[in-house]
Amino acid sequence: MYPGVTGLPRPVNNSHDHILHGITTFDYGHTHSYYAITGPAIDLPGGMHTHYVYFETNEVDGHRHRVQDFVIPAAMG
């Protein structure tokens, strides 16, 4: 799956989240799109952080895909 694009940080309860959207890779003759909001920032060592995401893609050819993972760590801004 393509990693998608996140929007700018949005302040939430002493943390922040991001809007995440993208399109999956082209497999089996089709793609899926998705739009989600990450969970709040999760602090990591070295001044880095990540976010948990859980979402489903749009339905294409009678099915969807469920995604749950952590986004690639980034420096706290």
N, C-alpha and C. Protein backbone atom coordinates (compact mmCIF):
# COMPACT_ATOMS: atom_id res chain seq x y z
N MET A 1 0.84 -1.17 0.00
CA MET A 1 0.00 0.00 0.00
C MET A 1 0.89 1.23 0.00
N TYR A 2 0.49 2.24 -0.74
CA TYR A 2 1.20 3.51 -0.68
C TYR A 2 1.01 4.10 0.71
N PRO A 3 2.02 4.80 1.24
CA PRO A 3 1.91 5.31 2.60
C PRO A 3 0.91 6.43 2.78
N GLY A 4 0.45 7.05 1.72
CA GLY A 4 -0.52 8.12 1.85
C GLY A 4 0.14 9.44 2.22
N VAL A 5 -0.70 10.41 2.44
CA VAL A 5 -0.25 11.76 2.75
C VAL A 5 -0.94 12.19 4.03
N THR A 6 -0.18 12.79 4.95
CA THR A 6 -0.80 13.32 6.16
C THR A 6 -0.87 14.83 6.06
N GLY A 7 -1.91 15.37 6.65
CA GLY A 7 -2.04 16.81 6.74
C GLY A 7 -1.23 17.36 7.89
N LEU A 8 -1.28 18.65 8.06
CA LEU A 8 -0.57 19.31 9.16
C LEU A 8 -1.11 18.81 10.50
N PRO A 9 -0.30 18.89 11.56
CA PRO A 9 -0.78 18.48 12.88
C PRO A 9 -2.00 19.29 13.30
N ARG A 10 -2.95 18.61 13.92
CA ARG A 10 -4.15 19.26 14.46
C ARG A 10 -4.13 19.06 15.97
N PRO A 11 -4.09 20.14 16.76
CA PRO A 11 -4.03 20.01 18.22
C PRO A 11 -5.23 19.23 18.77
N VAL A 12 -4.95 18.26 19.66
CA VAL A 12 -5.99 17.46 20.30
C VAL A 12 -5.53 17.10 21.71
N ASN A 13 -6.20 17.60 22.74
CA ASN A 13 -5.95 17.20 24.13
C ASN A 13 -4.47 17.08 24.49
N ASN A 14 -3.72 18.14 24.43
CA ASN A 14 -2.29 18.15 24.76
C ASN A 14 -1.45 17.26 23.85
N SER A 15 -1.94 16.94 22.68
CA SER A 15 -1.22 16.14 21.69
C SER A 15 -1.61 16.67 20.32
N HIS A 16 -1.57 15.82 19.33
CA HIS A 16 -2.04 16.20 17.99
C HIS A 16 -2.36 14.94 17.19
N ASP A 17 -3.13 15.11 16.13
CA ASP A 17 -3.38 14.04 15.18
C ASP A 17 -3.20 14.58 13.77
N HIS A 18 -3.41 13.73 12.77
CA HIS A 18 -3.28 14.13 11.37
C HIS A 18 -4.41 13.50 10.57
N ILE A 19 -4.84 14.17 9.53
CA ILE A 19 -5.71 13.56 8.53
C ILE A 19 -4.79 12.80 7.59
N LEU A 20 -5.19 11.59 7.24
CA LEU A 20 -4.39 10.70 6.38
C LEU A 20 -5.26 10.28 5.20
N HIS A 21 -4.73 10.42 3.99
CA HIS A 21 -5.50 9.97 2.83
C HIS A 21 -4.56 9.45 1.76
N GLY A 22 -5.07 8.58 0.92
CA GLY A 22 -4.24 8.02 -0.14
C GLY A 22 -5.00 7.01 -0.97
N ILE A 23 -4.25 6.34 -1.83
CA ILE A 23 -4.77 5.30 -2.72
C ILE A 23 -3.84 4.10 -2.61
N THR A 24 -4.42 2.91 -2.56
CA THR A 24 -3.61 1.70 -2.47
C THR A 24 -2.88 1.45 -3.79
N THR A 25 -1.97 0.49 -3.76
CA THR A 25 -1.29 0.09 -4.99
C THR A 25 -2.31 -0.54 -5.94
N PHE A 26 -1.97 -0.60 -7.22
CA PHE A 26 -2.85 -1.14 -8.25
C PHE A 26 -2.62 -2.65 -8.32
N ASP A 27 -3.50 -3.40 -7.69
CA ASP A 27 -3.39 -4.86 -7.67
C ASP A 27 -4.71 -5.45 -8.13
N TYR A 28 -4.64 -6.54 -8.86
CA TYR A 28 -5.84 -7.25 -9.33
C TYR A 28 -6.78 -6.33 -10.09
N GLY A 29 -6.21 -5.37 -10.82
CA GLY A 29 -6.99 -4.53 -11.71
C GLY A 29 -7.72 -3.37 -11.08
N HIS A 30 -7.43 -3.05 -9.81
CA HIS A 30 -8.12 -1.91 -9.19
C HIS A 30 -7.31 -1.35 -8.03
N THR A 31 -7.74 -0.17 -7.57
CA THR A 31 -7.16 0.46 -6.39
C THR A 31 -8.29 0.73 -5.40
N HIS A 32 -7.91 1.11 -4.19
CA HIS A 32 -8.86 1.55 -3.17
C HIS A 32 -8.38 2.89 -2.65
N SER A 33 -9.30 3.74 -2.26
CA SER A 33 -8.91 5.00 -1.62
C SER A 33 -9.26 4.93 -0.14
N TYR A 34 -8.62 5.80 0.63
CA TYR A 34 -8.90 5.84 2.06
C TYR A 34 -8.72 7.25 2.59
N TYR A 35 -9.43 7.53 3.67
CA TYR A 35 -9.40 8.82 4.36
C TYR A 35 -9.59 8.48 5.83
N ALA A 36 -8.65 8.90 6.66
CA ALA A 36 -8.72 8.54 8.08
C ALA A 36 -8.10 9.64 8.92
N ILE A 37 -8.27 9.53 10.21
CA ILE A 37 -7.62 10.42 11.17
C ILE A 37 -6.76 9.55 12.07
N THR A 38 -5.50 9.91 12.23
CA THR A 38 -4.61 9.14 13.09
C THR A 38 -5.03 9.28 14.54
N GLY A 39 -4.50 8.40 15.37
CA GLY A 39 -4.63 8.57 16.81
C GLY A 39 -3.68 9.67 17.26
N PRO A 40 -3.68 10.00 18.55
CA PRO A 40 -2.77 11.03 19.06
C PRO A 40 -1.32 10.57 18.95
N ALA A 41 -0.41 11.52 19.07
CA ALA A 41 1.02 11.23 19.00
C ALA A 41 1.43 10.27 20.12
N ILE A 42 2.32 9.34 19.79
CA ILE A 42 2.90 8.41 20.75
C ILE A 42 4.39 8.70 20.78
N ASP A 43 4.88 9.17 21.92
CA ASP A 43 6.30 9.53 22.04
C ASP A 43 7.19 8.30 21.93
N LEU A 44 8.31 8.48 21.23
CA LEU A 44 9.33 7.45 21.08
C LEU A 44 10.66 8.02 21.55
N PRO A 45 11.65 7.18 21.82
CA PRO A 45 12.97 7.68 22.23
C PRO A 45 13.59 8.58 21.16
N GLY A 46 14.47 9.46 21.59
CA GLY A 46 15.20 10.31 20.65
C GLY A 46 14.40 11.45 20.07
N GLY A 47 13.33 11.86 20.74
CA GLY A 47 12.53 12.98 20.24
C GLY A 47 11.63 12.64 19.07
N MET A 48 11.44 11.36 18.80
CA MET A 48 10.59 10.92 17.69
C MET A 48 9.19 10.60 18.22
N HIS A 49 8.24 10.47 17.30
CA HIS A 49 6.89 10.05 17.66
C HIS A 49 6.25 9.32 16.51
N THR A 50 5.18 8.60 16.79
CA THR A 50 4.42 7.89 15.78
C THR A 50 2.94 8.08 16.08
N HIS A 51 2.09 7.53 15.24
CA HIS A 51 0.64 7.56 15.44
C HIS A 51 0.09 6.20 15.04
N TYR A 52 -0.91 5.74 15.77
CA TYR A 52 -1.62 4.51 15.42
C TYR A 52 -2.75 4.87 14.46
N VAL A 53 -2.95 4.02 13.45
CA VAL A 53 -4.07 4.23 12.53
C VAL A 53 -4.86 2.93 12.40
N TYR A 54 -6.15 3.08 12.24
CA TYR A 54 -7.06 1.97 12.01
C TYR A 54 -8.18 2.50 11.13
N PHE A 55 -8.32 1.91 9.93
CA PHE A 55 -9.36 2.37 9.02
C PHE A 55 -9.66 1.29 8.00
N GLU A 56 -10.73 1.49 7.26
CA GLU A 56 -11.07 0.64 6.13
C GLU A 56 -11.06 1.48 4.86
N THR A 57 -10.66 0.85 3.76
CA THR A 57 -10.68 1.52 2.47
C THR A 57 -12.12 1.59 1.96
N ASN A 58 -12.29 2.29 0.85
CA ASN A 58 -13.59 2.27 0.19
C ASN A 58 -13.82 0.88 -0.42
N GLU A 59 -15.07 0.60 -0.76
CA GLU A 59 -15.40 -0.70 -1.35
C GLU A 59 -15.24 -0.65 -2.86
N VAL A 60 -14.54 -1.64 -3.39
CA VAL A 60 -14.35 -1.80 -4.84
C VAL A 60 -14.47 -3.29 -5.14
N ASP A 61 -15.16 -3.64 -6.20
CA ASP A 61 -15.35 -5.05 -6.58
C ASP A 61 -15.87 -5.89 -5.42
N GLY A 62 -16.75 -5.31 -4.61
CA GLY A 62 -17.40 -6.05 -3.55
C GLY A 62 -16.58 -6.30 -2.30
N HIS A 63 -15.46 -5.60 -2.13
CA HIS A 63 -14.67 -5.81 -0.91
C HIS A 63 -13.96 -4.54 -0.47
N ARG A 64 -13.52 -4.54 0.77
CA ARG A 64 -12.74 -3.46 1.39
C ARG A 64 -11.49 -4.08 2.00
N HIS A 65 -10.57 -3.23 2.40
CA HIS A 65 -9.40 -3.68 3.15
C HIS A 65 -9.35 -2.93 4.46
N ARG A 66 -9.02 -3.63 5.53
CA ARG A 66 -8.86 -3.04 6.86
C ARG A 66 -7.37 -2.83 7.10
N VAL A 67 -7.01 -1.65 7.57
CA VAL A 67 -5.61 -1.32 7.85
C VAL A 67 -5.48 -0.92 9.31
N GLN A 68 -4.53 -1.52 10.01
CA GLN A 68 -4.21 -1.08 11.37
C GLN A 68 -2.71 -1.24 11.54
N ASP A 69 -2.06 -0.13 11.88
CA ASP A 69 -0.61 -0.10 11.95
C ASP A 69 -0.18 1.23 12.58
N PHE A 70 1.11 1.41 12.66
CA PHE A 70 1.68 2.67 13.11
C PHE A 70 2.30 3.37 11.92
N VAL A 71 2.20 4.69 11.86
CA VAL A 71 2.83 5.44 10.78
C VAL A 71 4.34 5.51 11.02
N ILE A 72 5.09 5.84 9.99
CA ILE A 72 6.54 5.94 10.08
C ILE A 72 6.90 7.01 11.11
N PRO A 73 7.80 6.71 12.06
CA PRO A 73 8.18 7.70 13.08
C PRO A 73 8.74 8.98 12.48
N ALA A 74 8.46 10.09 13.15
CA ALA A 74 8.94 11.40 12.73
C ALA A 74 9.39 12.19 13.95
N ALA A 75 10.19 13.21 13.72
CA ALA A 75 10.65 14.08 14.81
C ALA A 75 9.49 14.93 15.32
N MET A 76 9.47 15.18 16.61
CA MET A 76 8.46 16.08 17.17
C MET A 76 8.80 17.49 16.73
N GLY A 77 7.79 18.23 16.27
CA GLY A 77 8.02 19.55 15.72
C GLY A 77 7.85 20.65 16.66
